Structures are given as structure tokens and as C-alpha cells.
C-alpha atoms as a PDB file:
ATOM      1  CA  LEU A   1      11.095 -28.651   3.786  1.00  0.00           C
ATOM      2  CA  ILE A   2      11.451 -26.621   6.948  1.00  0.00           C
ATOM      3  CA  PHE A   3       9.446 -23.408   7.177  1.00  0.00           C
ATOM      4  CA  HIS A   4      10.399 -20.760   9.683  1.00  0.00           C
ATOM      5  CA  PHE A   5       7.764 -19.004  11.722  1.00  0.00           C
ATOM      6  CA  ARG A   6       9.962 -16.004  12.434  1.00  0.00           C
ATOM      7  CA  ILE A   7      10.909 -12.986  10.373  1.00  0.00           C
ATOM      8  CA  ARG A   8      14.627 -12.294  10.431  1.00  0.00           C
ATOM      9  CA  LEU A   9      15.887  -8.768   9.788  1.00  0.00           C
ATOM     10  CA  TYR A  10      19.324  -8.081   8.300  1.00  0.00           C
ATOM     11  CA  SER A  11      21.354  -4.966   7.547  1.00  0.00           C
ATOM     12  CA  THR A  12      21.375  -4.171   3.837  1.00  0.00           C
ATOM     13  CA  LYS A  13      24.918  -2.798   4.119  1.00  0.00           C
ATOM     14  CA  THR A  14      26.644  -5.476   6.193  1.00  0.00           C
ATOM     15  CA  LEU A  15      24.162  -8.391   6.043  1.00  0.00           C
ATOM     16  CA  LYS A  16      24.547  -8.717   9.819  1.00  0.00           C
ATOM     17  CA  PRO A  17      21.462  -9.883  11.736  1.00  0.00           C
ATOM     18  CA  LEU A  18      19.477  -7.028  13.291  1.00  0.00           C
ATOM     19  CA  GLY A  19      16.744  -8.990  15.006  1.00  0.00           C
ATOM     20  CA  THR A  20      13.954 -11.522  14.806  1.00  0.00           C
ATOM     21  CA  LEU A  21      10.203 -10.960  14.878  1.00  0.00           C
ATOM     22  CA  SER A  22       8.203 -13.808  16.409  1.00  0.00           C
ATOM     23  CA  TYR A  23       4.419 -13.999  16.214  1.00  0.00           C
ATOM     24  CA  HIS A  24       3.253 -16.485  13.603  1.00  0.00           C
ATOM     25  CA  LYS A  25       2.572 -20.125  14.448  1.00  0.00           C
ATOM     26  CA  GLU A  26       3.108 -21.298  10.860  1.00  0.00           C
ATOM     27  CA  GLY A  27       5.303 -20.145   7.983  1.00  0.00           C
ATOM     28  CA  CYS A  28       5.104 -16.551   6.756  1.00  0.00           C
ATOM     29  CA  GLN A  29       3.911 -16.235   3.166  1.00  0.00           C
ATOM     30  CA  ALA A  30       4.135 -12.480   2.625  1.00  0.00           C
ATOM     31  CA  VAL A  31       6.135  -9.591   4.038  1.00  0.00           C
ATOM     32  CA  SER A  32       5.803  -5.972   2.945  1.00  0.00           C
ATOM     33  CA  PHE A  33       7.293  -2.678   4.050  1.00  0.00           C
ATOM     34  CA  ALA A  34       5.045   0.366   4.090  1.00  0.00           C
ATOM     35  CA  HIS A  35       5.930   3.345   1.965  1.00  0.00           C
ATOM     36  CA  SER A  36       4.702   6.870   2.286  1.00  0.00           C
ATOM     37  CA  LEU A  37       3.443   9.049  -0.521  1.00  0.00           C
ATOM     38  CA  PRO A  38       4.781  12.564  -0.959  1.00  0.00           C
ATOM     39  CA  ALA A  39       2.465  15.109   0.645  1.00  0.00           C
ATOM     40  CA  ASP A  40       1.497  16.631  -2.709  1.00  0.00           C
ATOM     41  CA  SER A  41       0.380  13.270  -4.153  1.00  0.00           C
ATOM     42  CA  ALA A  42      -1.826  12.187  -1.249  1.00  0.00           C
ATOM     43  CA  PRO A  43      -5.460  11.703  -2.317  1.00  0.00           C
ATOM     44  CA  LYS A  44      -7.828  14.469  -1.232  1.00  0.00           C
ATOM     45  CA  ASP A  45     -11.464  13.907  -0.331  1.00  0.00           C
ATOM     46  CA  SER A  46     -13.309  17.077  -1.274  1.00  0.00           C
ATOM     47  CA  ASP A  47     -16.798  15.755  -0.462  1.00  0.00           C
ATOM     48  CA  GLU A  48     -16.395  15.700   3.297  1.00  0.00           C
ATOM     49  CA  ASP A  49     -14.599  17.845   5.818  1.00  0.00           C
ATOM     50  CA  SER A  50     -12.586  15.219   7.698  1.00  0.00           C
ATOM     51  CA  ASP A  51     -10.158  17.318   9.750  1.00  0.00           C
ATOM     52  CA  ASP A  52     -10.615  15.021  12.745  1.00  0.00           C
ATOM     53  CA  GLU A  53      -9.598  11.986  10.657  1.00  0.00           C
ATOM     54  CA  GLU A  54      -6.428  13.419   9.097  1.00  0.00           C
ATOM     55  CA  MET A  55      -3.154  11.954  10.284  1.00  0.00           C
ATOM     56  CA  THR A  56      -0.550  14.118  11.927  1.00  0.00           C
ATOM     57  CA  THR A  57       2.998  14.268  10.579  1.00  0.00           C
ATOM     58  CA  THR A  58       4.140  12.055  13.458  1.00  0.00           C
ATOM     59  CA  GLU A  59       1.487   9.438  12.630  1.00  0.00           C
ATOM     60  CA  LYS A  60       2.519   9.464   8.960  1.00  0.00           C
ATOM     61  CA  GLU A  61       6.192   9.045   9.891  1.00  0.00           C
ATOM     62  CA  THR A  62       5.320   6.161  12.235  1.00  0.00           C
ATOM     63  CA  ARG A  63       3.183   4.365   9.640  1.00  0.00           C
ATOM     64  CA  ALA A  64       5.934   4.765   7.031  1.00  0.00           C
ATOM     65  CA  ARG A  65       8.062   2.452   9.224  1.00  0.00           C
ATOM     66  CA  TRP A  66       5.541  -0.383   9.385  1.00  0.00           C
ATOM     67  CA  LEU A  67       6.355  -3.919   8.300  1.00  0.00           C
ATOM     68  CA  VAL A  68       3.364  -6.174   7.657  1.00  0.00           C
ATOM     69  CA  ALA A  69       3.563  -9.972   7.536  1.00  0.00           C
ATOM     70  CA  ALA A  70       0.965 -12.620   6.711  1.00  0.00           C
ATOM     71  CA  GLY A  71       1.263 -16.286   7.563  1.00  0.00           C
ATOM     72  CA  LYS A  72      -0.244 -19.648   6.756  1.00  0.00           C
ATOM     73  CA  ASP A  73      -1.861 -19.428  10.204  1.00  0.00           C
ATOM     74  CA  ASN A  74      -4.314 -16.809   8.805  1.00  0.00           C
ATOM     75  CA  ARG A  75      -2.736 -14.126  10.985  1.00  0.00           C
ATOM     76  CA  VAL A  76      -1.497 -10.702   9.913  1.00  0.00           C
ATOM     77  CA  SER A  77       1.085  -8.912  12.031  1.00  0.00           C
ATOM     78  CA  ILE A  78       2.035  -5.233  11.901  1.00  0.00           C
ATOM     79  CA  TRP A  79       5.432  -4.242  13.263  1.00  0.00           C
ATOM     80  CA  GLU A  80       6.778  -0.738  13.770  1.00  0.00           C
ATOM     81  CA  MET A  81      10.432  -0.542  12.777  1.00  0.00           C
ATOM     82  CA  ILE A  82      12.789   1.917  14.442  1.00  0.00           C
ATOM     83  CA  SER A  83      13.781   5.050  12.590  1.00  0.00           C
ATOM     84  CA  PHE A  84      17.191   4.778  10.978  1.00  0.00           C
ATOM     85  CA  HIS A  85      17.434   8.499  10.242  1.00  0.00           C
ATOM     86  CA  SER A  86      20.299  10.306  11.932  1.00  0.00           C
ATOM     87  CA  SER A  87      19.206  12.771  14.601  1.00  0.00           C
ATOM     88  CA  LYS A  88      22.167  15.011  13.694  1.00  0.00           C
ATOM     89  CA  ARG A  89      21.403  17.724  11.156  1.00  0.00           C
END
């Protein structure tokens, strides 16, 4: 068996290659896309006032585009994907 050390990204509409992520020295065993929770379902910590630790909207949008991969090399990589939202409104 041949294991690839790269993560290949493809378009879900056309199945055309979009790019390759290279970091791991051995095969990748897990890949996961981040997902964001709606603002009204985010957990609230009422015990402490943590205004300085709250994420901004920009930080939340950035983290919602993360892709995380784990490999047999005991490494975890975090990749920020580009935004595919149209800038036209």
C-alpha cells in the first residue's frame, strides 16, 4: 500500500483539483473541517468576566475556515482555508 503524505483539495461541484497541503512526513489519518456555532448557541461562562478573552467576529470567521489534519508522524497541522463567499451583495 502507498500512503500519501499530502492532503489534496478538490472542488465539490466540479471535482477539479484546488490544491495540495504538504506538511506531514507520514500518512494522514484524520482530517476535519471546523464548523462554527450560531451566536445564540455559543456557551456562556457566567462565573468570570472574560471580555479580554472573547473572540472578535473576524476571529470567529477565520477559525470557521480551519482544516485540521493529524498524521502517523504524531503531528497535527492547522490550515486556514480561503473564504469562498462572494464579496458581491
